[in-house]
Amino acid sequence: MTRGGGWKWAAGVLAGLYAAVLGAGYLAPYDAAEQHREAPLVAPQAVHFEGGRLVVADAISGRKVAVRWFSGGHLFGVEAPAVYFPLGSDAFGRDQFSRMLYGGRISLMAAVLGALVSLGVGLAAGLLSALGPVWLDALLMRAGEVCLALPWLYLLLGVRAFLPLALEPDTVFVLFVLLAGMLGWARPARLFRGLGLSLKQSGYVEAARGFGASRWYVARRHMLGELKGVLGTQGALLVPQFLLAEVTLSMFGLGINEPGVSWGTMLDVVREPAMLAMHPWMALPAMLLAPVIFCFQLCADAMAG
């Protein structure tokens, strides 16, 4: 399926998803923190055509109101004081659709930035091991083996648990990116080291060294270009791992906390079986994770092949 072009629609889905979360301020009808206490735990609301226009039942009063487009700086919505929840509301009357967009911005961007940090550290460590002195190679690879031997997700949970819980969402976001990136560097580093050692023995690299080129010039001029495809593949594999890590941390209260929102924060309530059984729409972020991860896997397979 990948060779047949499946990766193209997967890449299109991911591009559309990232565009949607980055444009949450326009696409979402409400702010992520806006509460409508009169309408808690409202099920997803369907719209109907009536009189040539889209109408929906006001979640508070039940009366029919028209859906308005391109109004108030948002793509769609209804005229206040009426409220409309296309994907339902949570226990505080907050719109789930809006929160999924704003929360996806945090979860998806944290995963991408964490992967970039991990790839940057892994690339630097791998090339230093391949081109540097033997003692540096041994030191970096032993450190990488320690990281690989430890379950990095549990290590991330443990490190985060030692930090204060009452941190601002922006601070937690930066901490997650740095911690995830620093803990996930070992596997890419080993791969880059192996490729670096192989490229170092190639004819054009040996010719460049024969003309007096330094090892760092060789790395920059000849090796980095050859590693671009591998960087893309590793990035597509790392992003889903870090996405699941962010969701797990926030779900258990160690990641983004209120008033911030991420997909993990939204899933905190579904740890209660009764809540999930009575209000299944609260698990919508979890249902979105599977296709997102599948799309990243298709893209990784395409780049690897």
C-alpha atoms as a PDB file:
ATOM      1  CA  MET A   1       0.000   0.000   0.000  1.00  0.00           C
ATOM      2  CA  THR A   2       2.861   2.346   0.770  1.00  0.00           C
ATOM      3  CA  ARG A   3       4.497   1.875  -2.627  1.00  0.00           C
ATOM      4  CA  GLY A   4       1.107   2.336  -4.260  1.00  0.00           C
ATOM      5  CA  GLY A   5       0.828   5.861  -2.919  1.00  0.00           C
ATOM      6  CA  GLY A   6      -0.811   5.249   0.441  1.00  0.00           C
ATOM      7  CA  TRP A   7       1.834   7.420   2.052  1.00  0.00           C
ATOM      8  CA  LYS A   8       0.653  10.391   0.000  1.00  0.00           C
ATOM      9  CA  TRP A   9      -2.805  10.468   1.515  1.00  0.00           C
ATOM     10  CA  ALA A  10      -1.245   9.754   4.920  1.00  0.00           C
ATOM     11  CA  ALA A  11       1.031  12.767   4.504  1.00  0.00           C
ATOM     12  CA  GLY A  12      -1.969  14.799   3.351  1.00  0.00           C
ATOM     13  CA  VAL A  13      -3.970  13.790   6.420  1.00  0.00           C
ATOM     14  CA  LEU A  14      -1.094  14.763   8.720  1.00  0.00           C
ATOM     15  CA  ALA A  15      -0.574  18.058   6.902  1.00  0.00           C
ATOM     16  CA  GLY A  16      -4.286  18.827   7.220  1.00  0.00           C
ATOM     17  CA  LEU A  17      -4.283  17.901  10.904  1.00  0.00           C
ATOM     18  CA  TYR A  18      -1.303  20.117  11.706  1.00  0.00           C
ATOM     19  CA  ALA A  19      -2.859  22.956   9.713  1.00  0.00           C
ATOM     20  CA  ALA A  20      -6.098  22.518  11.684  1.00  0.00           C
ATOM     21  CA  VAL A  21      -4.464  22.608  15.117  1.00  0.00           C
ATOM     22  CA  LEU A  22      -2.280  25.554  14.172  1.00  0.00           C
ATOM     23  CA  GLY A  23      -5.409  27.352  12.967  1.00  0.00           C
ATOM     24  CA  ALA A  24      -7.385  26.450  16.089  1.00  0.00           C
ATOM     25  CA  GLY A  25      -8.058  30.091  16.892  1.00  0.00           C
ATOM     26  CA  TYR A  26     -10.129  30.373  13.708  1.00  0.00           C
ATOM     27  CA  LEU A  27     -11.540  26.859  13.317  1.00  0.00           C
ATOM     28  CA  ALA A  28     -12.614  26.400  16.945  1.00  0.00           C
ATOM     29  CA  PRO A  29     -15.929  28.086  17.818  1.00  0.00           C
ATOM     30  CA  TYR A  30     -14.836  28.688  21.436  1.00  0.00           C
ATOM     31  CA  ASP A  31     -11.706  29.158  23.467  1.00  0.00           C
ATOM     32  CA  ALA A  32     -10.404  25.953  25.048  1.00  0.00           C
ATOM     33  CA  ALA A  33     -11.067  27.254  28.576  1.00  0.00           C
ATOM     34  CA  GLU A  34     -14.481  28.845  27.913  1.00  0.00           C
ATOM     35  CA  GLN A  35     -17.084  27.264  30.191  1.00  0.00           C
ATOM     36  CA  HIS A  36     -20.837  26.942  29.805  1.00  0.00           C
ATOM     37  CA  ARG A  37     -21.837  25.591  33.196  1.00  0.00           C
ATOM     38  CA  GLU A  38     -25.492  25.370  32.124  1.00  0.00           C
ATOM     39  CA  ALA A  39     -24.612  22.682  29.558  1.00  0.00           C
ATOM     40  CA  PRO A  40     -22.306  20.042  31.096  1.00  0.00           C
ATOM     41  CA  LEU A  41     -21.682  16.691  29.397  1.00  0.00           C
ATOM     42  CA  VAL A  42     -23.823  17.434  26.355  1.00  0.00           C
ATOM     43  CA  ALA A  43     -23.661  14.704  23.711  1.00  0.00           C
ATOM     44  CA  PRO A  44     -22.412  15.606  20.212  1.00  0.00           C
ATOM     45  CA  GLN A  45     -25.041  17.725  18.474  1.00  0.00           C
ATOM     46  CA  ALA A  46     -26.212  17.091  14.937  1.00  0.00           C
ATOM     47  CA  VAL A  47     -27.149  19.865  12.533  1.00  0.00           C
ATOM     48  CA  HIS A  48     -30.135  19.840  10.149  1.00  0.00           C
ATOM     49  CA  PHE A  49     -31.184  21.684   7.022  1.00  0.00           C
ATOM     50  CA  GLU A  50     -34.286  23.742   7.595  1.00  0.00           C
ATOM     51  CA  GLY A  51     -35.529  26.555   5.439  1.00  0.00           C
ATOM     52  CA  GLY A  52     -32.381  26.511   3.339  1.00  0.00           C
ATOM     53  CA  ARG A  53     -30.015  26.905   6.278  1.00  0.00           C
ATOM     54  CA  LEU A  54     -28.259  24.782   8.871  1.00  0.00           C
ATOM     55  CA  VAL A  55     -29.900  24.766  12.277  1.00  0.00           C
ATOM     56  CA  VAL A  56     -29.031  23.111  15.563  1.00  0.00           C
ATOM     57  CA  ALA A  57     -30.675  22.869  18.965  1.00  0.00           C
ATOM     58  CA  ASP A  58     -29.240  25.265  21.519  1.00  0.00           C
ATOM     59  CA  ALA A  59     -27.453  23.099  24.098  1.00  0.00           C
ATOM     60  CA  ILE A  60     -28.920  25.186  26.940  1.00  0.00           C
ATOM     61  CA  SER A  61     -32.501  25.977  25.990  1.00  0.00           C
ATOM     62  CA  GLY A  62     -33.158  23.411  23.273  1.00  0.00           C
ATOM     63  CA  ARG A  63     -34.559  25.999  20.856  1.00  0.00           C
ATOM     64  CA  LYS A  64     -33.482  25.895  17.231  1.00  0.00           C
ATOM     65  CA  VAL A  65     -30.785  28.367  16.218  1.00  0.00           C
ATOM     66  CA  ALA A  66     -29.028  28.937  12.917  1.00  0.00           C
ATOM     67  CA  VAL A  67     -25.394  28.015  12.418  1.00  0.00           C
ATOM     68  CA  ARG A  68     -23.509  31.144  11.399  1.00  0.00           C
ATOM     69  CA  TRP A  69     -20.446  31.011   9.142  1.00  0.00           C
ATOM     70  CA  PHE A  70     -17.416  33.323   9.088  1.00  0.00           C
ATOM     71  CA  SER A  71     -18.689  35.306  12.037  1.00  0.00           C
ATOM     72  CA  GLY A  72     -16.925  36.749  15.067  1.00  0.00           C
ATOM     73  CA  GLY A  73     -13.493  35.701  13.877  1.00  0.00           C
ATOM     74  CA  HIS A  74     -14.433  31.995  13.731  1.00  0.00           C
ATOM     75  CA  LEU A  75     -15.283  29.637  10.901  1.00  0.00           C
ATOM     76  CA  PHE A  76     -18.670  28.751  12.391  1.00  0.00           C
ATOM     77  CA  GLY A  77     -20.748  29.127  15.529  1.00  0.00           C
ATOM     78  CA  VAL A  78     -24.115  30.217  16.838  1.00  0.00           C
ATOM     79  CA  GLU A  79     -25.243  33.575  18.146  1.00  0.00           C
ATOM     80  CA  ALA A  80     -24.779  33.988  21.913  1.00  0.00           C
ATOM     81  CA  PRO A  81     -26.205  33.194  24.390  1.00  0.00           C
ATOM     82  CA  ALA A  82     -26.938  29.962  22.494  1.00  0.00           C
ATOM     83  CA  VAL A  83     -24.144  27.365  22.426  1.00  0.00           C
ATOM     84  CA  TYR A  84     -23.364  24.541  20.032  1.00  0.00           C
ATOM     85  CA  PHE A  85     -21.087  21.560  20.744  1.00  0.00           C
ATOM     86  CA  PRO A  86     -20.383  19.576  17.534  1.00  0.00           C
ATOM     87  CA  LEU A  87     -18.460  16.919  19.490  1.00  0.00           C
ATOM     88  CA  GLY A  88     -20.167  17.365  22.846  1.00  0.00           C
ATOM     89  CA  SER A  89     -19.030  19.106  26.019  1.00  0.00           C
ATOM     90  CA  ASP A  90     -17.154  18.084  29.148  1.00  0.00           C
ATOM     91  CA  ALA A  91     -18.247  18.289  32.795  1.00  0.00           C
ATOM     92  CA  PHE A  92     -17.566  22.054  32.857  1.00  0.00           C
ATOM     93  CA  GLY A  93     -19.490  22.764  29.663  1.00  0.00           C
ATOM     94  CA  ARG A  94     -16.346  23.258  27.584  1.00  0.00           C
ATOM     95  CA  ASP A  95     -16.581  22.483  23.888  1.00  0.00           C
ATOM     96  CA  GLN A  96     -14.799  19.205  23.087  1.00  0.00           C
ATOM     97  CA  PHE A  97     -14.192  20.137  19.449  1.00  0.00           C
ATOM     98  CA  SER A  98     -12.436  23.358  20.417  1.00  0.00           C
ATOM     99  CA  ARG A  99     -10.421  21.588  23.097  1.00  0.00           C
ATOM    100  CA  MET A 100      -9.357  18.867  20.676  1.00  0.00           C
ATOM    101  CA  LEU A 101      -7.970  21.490  18.305  1.00  0.00           C
ATOM    102  CA  TYR A 102      -6.172  23.490  20.987  1.00  0.00           C
ATOM    103  CA  GLY A 103      -5.047  20.314  22.770  1.00  0.00           C
ATOM    104  CA  GLY A 104      -3.799  18.822  19.514  1.00  0.00           C
ATOM    105  CA  ARG A 105      -1.650  21.898  19.015  1.00  0.00           C
ATOM    106  CA  ILE A 106       0.151  21.138  22.288  1.00  0.00           C
ATOM    107  CA  SER A 107       0.370  17.352  21.883  1.00  0.00           C
ATOM    108  CA  LEU A 108       1.394  17.286  18.226  1.00  0.00           C
ATOM    109  CA  MET A 109       3.862  20.168  18.443  1.00  0.00           C
ATOM    110  CA  ALA A 110       5.448  18.772  21.617  1.00  0.00           C
ATOM    111  CA  ALA A 111       5.939  15.446  19.822  1.00  0.00           C
ATOM    112  CA  VAL A 112       7.532  17.087  16.776  1.00  0.00           C
ATOM    113  CA  LEU A 113       9.837  19.340  18.802  1.00  0.00           C
ATOM    114  CA  GLY A 114      10.848  16.443  21.059  1.00  0.00           C
ATOM    115  CA  ALA A 115      11.696  14.395  17.969  1.00  0.00           C
ATOM    116  CA  LEU A 116      13.770  17.268  16.548  1.00  0.00           C
ATOM    117  CA  VAL A 117      15.748  17.568  19.790  1.00  0.00           C
ATOM    118  CA  SER A 118      16.274  13.803  19.878  1.00  0.00           C
ATOM    119  CA  LEU A 119      17.400  13.706  16.243  1.00  0.00           C
ATOM    120  CA  GLY A 120      19.732  16.660  16.739  1.00  0.00           C
ATOM    121  CA  VAL A 121      21.414  15.095  19.772  1.00  0.00           C
ATOM    122  CA  GLY A 122      21.474  11.665  18.123  1.00  0.00           C
ATOM    123  CA  LEU A 123      22.992  13.024  14.914  1.00  0.00           C
ATOM    124  CA  ALA A 124      25.688  14.927  16.786  1.00  0.00           C
ATOM    125  CA  ALA A 125      26.505  11.928  18.991  1.00  0.00           C
ATOM    126  CA  GLY A 126      26.517   9.523  16.049  1.00  0.00           C
ATOM    127  CA  LEU A 127      28.871  11.627  13.925  1.00  0.00           C
ATOM    128  CA  LEU A 128      31.143  12.310  16.901  1.00  0.00           C
ATOM    129  CA  SER A 129      31.350   8.566  17.515  1.00  0.00           C
ATOM    130  CA  ALA A 130      32.046   7.798  13.864  1.00  0.00           C
ATOM    131  CA  LEU A 131      34.608  10.545  13.255  1.00  0.00           C
ATOM    132  CA  GLY A 132      36.008  11.293  16.707  1.00  0.00           C
ATOM    133  CA  PRO A 133      38.671   9.523  18.763  1.00  0.00           C
ATOM    134  CA  VAL A 134      38.138   5.960  19.974  1.00  0.00           C
ATOM    135  CA  TRP A 135      37.656   6.949  23.619  1.00  0.00           C
ATOM    136  CA  LEU A 136      34.838   9.353  22.685  1.00  0.00           C
ATOM    137  CA  ASP A 137      33.186   6.672  20.579  1.00  0.00           C
ATOM    138  CA  ALA A 138      33.313   4.231  23.477  1.00  0.00           C
ATOM    139  CA  LEU A 139      31.983   6.809  25.952  1.00  0.00           C
ATOM    140  CA  LEU A 140      29.048   7.870  23.796  1.00  0.00           C
ATOM    141  CA  MET A 141      28.069   4.324  22.853  1.00  0.00           C
ATOM    142  CA  ARG A 142      28.191   3.113  26.477  1.00  0.00           C
ATOM    143  CA  ALA A 143      25.982   6.046  27.465  1.00  0.00           C
ATOM    144  CA  GLY A 144      23.631   5.146  24.628  1.00  0.00           C
ATOM    145  CA  GLU A 145      23.490   1.520  25.758  1.00  0.00           C
ATOM    146  CA  VAL A 146      22.465   2.650  29.233  1.00  0.00           C
ATOM    147  CA  CYS A 147      19.636   4.733  27.748  1.00  0.00           C
ATOM    148  CA  LEU A 148      18.516   1.833  25.553  1.00  0.00           C
ATOM    149  CA  ALA A 149      18.574  -0.600  28.478  1.00  0.00           C
ATOM    150  CA  LEU A 150      16.188   1.566  30.478  1.00  0.00           C
ATOM    151  CA  PRO A 151      12.475   1.795  29.583  1.00  0.00           C
ATOM    152  CA  TRP A 152      12.581   5.412  28.492  1.00  0.00           C
ATOM    153  CA  LEU A 153       8.866   6.062  28.980  1.00  0.00           C
ATOM    154  CA  TYR A 154       9.030   4.969  32.624  1.00  0.00           C
ATOM    155  CA  LEU A 155      12.245   6.912  33.015  1.00  0.00           C
ATOM    156  CA  LEU A 156      10.484   9.988  31.636  1.00  0.00           C
ATOM    157  CA  LEU A 157       7.628   9.431  34.084  1.00  0.00           C
ATOM    158  CA  GLY A 158      10.109   9.062  36.938  1.00  0.00           C
ATOM    159  CA  VAL A 159      12.099  12.178  36.053  1.00  0.00           C
ATOM    160  CA  ARG A 160       8.923  14.243  35.665  1.00  0.00           C
ATOM    161  CA  ALA A 161       7.590  12.936  38.997  1.00  0.00           C
ATOM    162  CA  PHE A 162      10.623  14.401  40.789  1.00  0.00           C
ATOM    163  CA  LEU A 163       9.847  17.876  39.453  1.00  0.00           C
ATOM    164  CA  PRO A 164       7.227  20.135  41.050  1.00  0.00           C
ATOM    165  CA  LEU A 165       3.710  19.342  39.889  1.00  0.00           C
ATOM    166  CA  ALA A 166       2.462  22.940  40.091  1.00  0.00           C
ATOM    167  CA  LEU A 167       4.203  24.246  36.990  1.00  0.00           C
ATOM    168  CA  GLU A 168       2.869  26.549  34.316  1.00  0.00           C
ATOM    169  CA  PRO A 169       1.708  24.762  31.132  1.00  0.00           C
ATOM    170  CA  ASP A 170       4.353  26.573  29.052  1.00  0.00           C
ATOM    171  CA  THR A 171       7.085  25.409  31.440  1.00  0.00           C
ATOM    172  CA  VAL A 172       5.817  21.824  31.333  1.00  0.00           C
ATOM    173  CA  PHE A 173       5.760  21.975  27.526  1.00  0.00           C
ATOM    174  CA  VAL A 174       9.410  23.038  27.351  1.00  0.00           C
ATOM    175  CA  LEU A 175      10.431  20.483  29.988  1.00  0.00           C
ATOM    176  CA  PHE A 176       8.713  17.681  28.100  1.00  0.00           C
ATOM    177  CA  VAL A 177      10.404  18.607  24.825  1.00  0.00           C
ATOM    178  CA  LEU A 178      13.840  18.713  26.448  1.00  0.00           C
ATOM    179  CA  LEU A 179      13.402  15.578  28.567  1.00  0.00           C
ATOM    180  CA  ALA A 180      11.912  13.509  25.764  1.00  0.00           C
ATOM    181  CA  GLY A 181      14.576  14.670  23.336  1.00  0.00           C
ATOM    182  CA  MET A 182      17.445  13.931  25.711  1.00  0.00           C
ATOM    183  CA  LEU A 183      16.104  10.491  26.637  1.00  0.00           C
ATOM    184  CA  GLY A 184      15.356   9.403  23.073  1.00  0.00           C
ATOM    185  CA  TRP A 185      18.689  10.154  21.392  1.00  0.00           C
ATOM    186  CA  ALA A 186      20.410   6.776  21.771  1.00  0.00           C
ATOM    187  CA  ARG A 187      18.750   4.727  19.038  1.00  0.00           C
ATOM    188  CA  PRO A 188      19.168   7.388  16.310  1.00  0.00           C
ATOM    189  CA  ALA A 189      22.764   7.922  17.475  1.00  0.00           C
ATOM    190  CA  ARG A 190      23.650   4.255  16.969  1.00  0.00           C
ATOM    191  CA  LEU A 191      22.113   4.311  13.512  1.00  0.00           C
ATOM    192  CA  PHE A 192      23.917   7.515  12.506  1.00  0.00           C
ATOM    193  CA  ARG A 193      27.176   6.130  13.876  1.00  0.00           C
ATOM    194  CA  GLY A 194      26.874   3.008  11.730  1.00  0.00           C
ATOM    195  CA  LEU A 195      26.069   5.014   8.628  1.00  0.00           C
ATOM    196  CA  GLY A 196      28.884   7.437   9.407  1.00  0.00           C
ATOM    197  CA  LEU A 197      31.414   4.624   9.695  1.00  0.00           C
ATOM    198  CA  SER A 198      30.201   3.201   6.386  1.00  0.00           C
ATOM    199  CA  LEU A 199      30.370   6.542   4.618  1.00  0.00           C
ATOM    200  CA  LYS A 200      33.812   7.242   6.078  1.00  0.00           C
ATOM    201  CA  GLN A 201      35.160   4.281   4.129  1.00  0.00           C
ATOM    202  CA  SER A 202      33.572   5.291   0.821  1.00  0.00           C
ATOM    203  CA  GLY A 203      35.764   6.331  -2.071  1.00  0.00           C
ATOM    204  CA  TYR A 204      34.708   9.984  -2.334  1.00  0.00           C
ATOM    205  CA  VAL A 205      35.159  10.551   1.403  1.00  0.00           C
ATOM    206  CA  GLU A 206      38.618   8.998   1.333  1.00  0.00           C
ATOM    207  CA  ALA A 207      39.449  11.172  -1.683  1.00  0.00           C
ATOM    208  CA  ALA A 208      38.324  14.289   0.172  1.00  0.00           C
ATOM    209  CA  ARG A 209      40.435  13.313   3.175  1.00  0.00           C
ATOM    210  CA  GLY A 210      43.372  12.720   0.824  1.00  0.00           C
ATOM    211  CA  PHE A 211      43.084  16.313  -0.406  1.00  0.00           C
ATOM    212  CA  GLY A 212      43.357  17.535   3.170  1.00  0.00           C
ATOM    213  CA  ALA A 213      39.697  18.006   4.101  1.00  0.00           C
ATOM    214  CA  SER A 214      39.054  17.914   7.839  1.00  0.00           C
ATOM    215  CA  ARG A 215      36.770  15.282   9.296  1.00  0.00           C
ATOM    216  CA  TRP A 216      34.182  17.939  10.179  1.00  0.00           C
ATOM    217  CA  TYR A 217      34.229  19.331   6.651  1.00  0.00           C
ATOM    218  CA  VAL A 218      33.672  15.795   5.380  1.00  0.00           C
ATOM    219  CA  ALA A 219      30.764  15.354   7.808  1.00  0.00           C
ATOM    220  CA  ARG A 220      29.142  18.626   6.781  1.00  0.00           C
ATOM    221  CA  ARG A 221      29.815  18.433   3.053  1.00  0.00           C
ATOM    222  CA  HIS A 222      29.496  14.741   2.275  1.00  0.00           C
ATOM    223  CA  MET A 223      27.749  12.896   5.099  1.00  0.00           C
ATOM    224  CA  LEU A 224      24.838  15.098   6.094  1.00  0.00           C
ATOM    225  CA  GLY A 225      23.395  15.002   2.594  1.00  0.00           C
ATOM    226  CA  GLU A 226      23.451  11.205   2.621  1.00  0.00           C
ATOM    227  CA  LEU A 227      21.720  11.120   5.998  1.00  0.00           C
ATOM    228  CA  LYS A 228      18.719  13.289   5.080  1.00  0.00           C
ATOM    229  CA  GLY A 229      16.516  10.331   4.209  1.00  0.00           C
ATOM    230  CA  VAL A 230      17.421   8.552   7.426  1.00  0.00           C
ATOM    231  CA  LEU A 231      16.661  11.699   9.416  1.00  0.00           C
ATOM    232  CA  GLY A 232      13.196  11.860   7.893  1.00  0.00           C
ATOM    233  CA  THR A 233      12.500   8.184   8.583  1.00  0.00           C
ATOM    234  CA  GLN A 234      13.678   8.388  12.176  1.00  0.00           C
ATOM    235  CA  GLY A 235      11.639  11.537  12.721  1.00  0.00           C
ATOM    236  CA  ALA A 236       8.475   9.857  11.441  1.00  0.00           C
ATOM    237  CA  LEU A 237       9.102   6.980  13.863  1.00  0.00           C
ATOM    238  CA  LEU A 238       9.917   9.172  16.865  1.00  0.00           C
ATOM    239  CA  VAL A 239       6.982  11.587  16.652  1.00  0.00           C
ATOM    240  CA  PRO A 240       4.314   8.931  17.459  1.00  0.00           C
ATOM    241  CA  GLN A 241       6.400   7.695  20.407  1.00  0.00           C
ATOM    242  CA  PHE A 242       6.666  11.175  21.861  1.00  0.00           C
ATOM    243  CA  LEU A 243       2.987  11.832  21.138  1.00  0.00           C
ATOM    244  CA  LEU A 244       2.025   8.794  23.211  1.00  0.00           C
ATOM    245  CA  ALA A 245       4.481   9.862  25.911  1.00  0.00           C
ATOM    246  CA  GLU A 246       2.918  13.336  26.177  1.00  0.00           C
ATOM    247  CA  VAL A 247      -0.592  11.896  26.283  1.00  0.00           C
ATOM    248  CA  THR A 248       0.425   9.394  28.968  1.00  0.00           C
ATOM    249  CA  LEU A 249       2.126  12.015  31.132  1.00  0.00           C
ATOM    250  CA  SER A 250      -0.757  14.473  30.924  1.00  0.00           C
ATOM    251  CA  MET A 251      -3.352  11.752  31.437  1.00  0.00           C
ATOM    252  CA  PHE A 252      -1.764  10.845  34.777  1.00  0.00           C
ATOM    253  CA  GLY A 253      -1.329  14.443  35.895  1.00  0.00           C
ATOM    254  CA  LEU A 254       2.415  14.711  35.194  1.00  0.00           C
ATOM    255  CA  GLY A 255       2.217  16.666  31.958  1.00  0.00           C
ATOM    256  CA  ILE A 256       0.137  19.649  30.876  1.00  0.00           C
ATOM    257  CA  ASN A 257      -2.220  20.651  33.677  1.00  0.00           C
ATOM    258  CA  GLU A 258      -5.254  22.920  33.836  1.00  0.00           C
ATOM    259  CA  PRO A 259      -5.780  25.577  32.631  1.00  0.00           C
ATOM    260  CA  GLY A 260      -3.643  24.216  29.803  1.00  0.00           C
ATOM    261  CA  VAL A 261      -5.086  21.571  27.531  1.00  0.00           C
ATOM    262  CA  SER A 262      -3.633  18.657  25.596  1.00  0.00           C
ATOM    263  CA  TRP A 263      -5.085  15.379  24.377  1.00  0.00           C
ATOM    264  CA  GLY A 264      -3.727  13.725  27.511  1.00  0.00           C
ATOM    265  CA  THR A 265      -5.380  16.315  29.756  1.00  0.00           C
ATOM    266  CA  MET A 266      -8.701  15.642  28.037  1.00  0.00           C
ATOM    267  CA  LEU A 267      -8.331  11.893  28.587  1.00  0.00           C
ATOM    268  CA  ASP A 268      -7.802  12.253  32.319  1.00  0.00           C
ATOM    269  CA  VAL A 269     -11.545  11.862  32.956  1.00  0.00           C
ATOM    270  CA  VAL A 270     -11.895   8.588  31.037  1.00  0.00           C
ATOM    271  CA  ARG A 271      -9.790   6.763  33.603  1.00  0.00           C
ATOM    272  CA  GLU A 272     -13.111   6.360  35.398  1.00  0.00           C
ATOM    273  CA  PRO A 273     -15.013   3.480  33.708  1.00  0.00           C
ATOM    274  CA  ALA A 274     -18.391   4.989  34.609  1.00  0.00           C
ATOM    275  CA  MET A 275     -17.539   8.262  32.870  1.00  0.00           C
ATOM    276  CA  LEU A 276     -16.426   6.430  29.729  1.00  0.00           C
ATOM    277  CA  ALA A 277     -19.524   4.205  29.681  1.00  0.00           C
ATOM    278  CA  MET A 278     -21.972   7.064  30.128  1.00  0.00           C
ATOM    279  CA  HIS A 279     -20.194   9.693  28.016  1.00  0.00           C
ATOM    280  CA  PRO A 280     -18.138   7.875  25.319  1.00  0.00           C
ATOM    281  CA  TRP A 281     -17.472  11.077  23.355  1.00  0.00           C
ATOM    282  CA  MET A 282     -15.024  12.065  26.093  1.00  0.00           C
ATOM    283  CA  ALA A 283     -12.623   9.467  24.636  1.00  0.00           C
ATOM    284  CA  LEU A 284     -12.488  11.109  21.191  1.00  0.00           C
ATOM    285  CA  PRO A 285      -8.813  12.173  21.529  1.00  0.00           C
ATOM    286  CA  ALA A 286      -7.856   8.521  22.125  1.00  0.00           C
ATOM    287  CA  MET A 287      -9.782   7.479  19.013  1.00  0.00           C
ATOM    288  CA  LEU A 288      -7.809  10.038  17.005  1.00  0.00           C
ATOM    289  CA  LEU A 289      -4.425   8.722  18.165  1.00  0.00           C
ATOM    290  CA  ALA A 290      -4.616   5.443  16.233  1.00  0.00           C
ATOM    291  CA  PRO A 291      -5.074   6.950  12.736  1.00  0.00           C
ATOM    292  CA  VAL A 292      -2.462   9.628  13.453  1.00  0.00           C
ATOM    293  CA  ILE A 293       0.112   7.012  14.444  1.00  0.00           C
ATOM    294  CA  PHE A 294      -0.838   4.877  11.436  1.00  0.00           C
ATOM    295  CA  CYS A 295      -0.261   7.827   9.095  1.00  0.00           C
ATOM    296  CA  PHE A 296       3.173   8.494  10.578  1.00  0.00           C
ATOM    297  CA  GLN A 297       4.029   4.810  10.164  1.00  0.00           C
ATOM    298  CA  LEU A 298       3.040   4.887   6.489  1.00  0.00           C
ATOM    299  CA  CYS A 299       5.235   7.931   5.916  1.00  0.00           C
ATOM    300  CA  ALA A 300       8.158   6.267   7.721  1.00  0.00           C
ATOM    301  CA  ASP A 301       7.785   3.121   5.605  1.00  0.00           C
ATOM    302  CA  ALA A 302       7.731   5.208   2.426  1.00  0.00           C
ATOM    303  CA  MET A 303      10.904   7.096   3.367  1.00  0.00           C
ATOM    304  CA  ALA A 304      12.642   3.875   4.396  1.00  0.00           C
ATOM    305  CA  GLY A 305      11.718   2.138   1.143  1.00  0.00           C
END
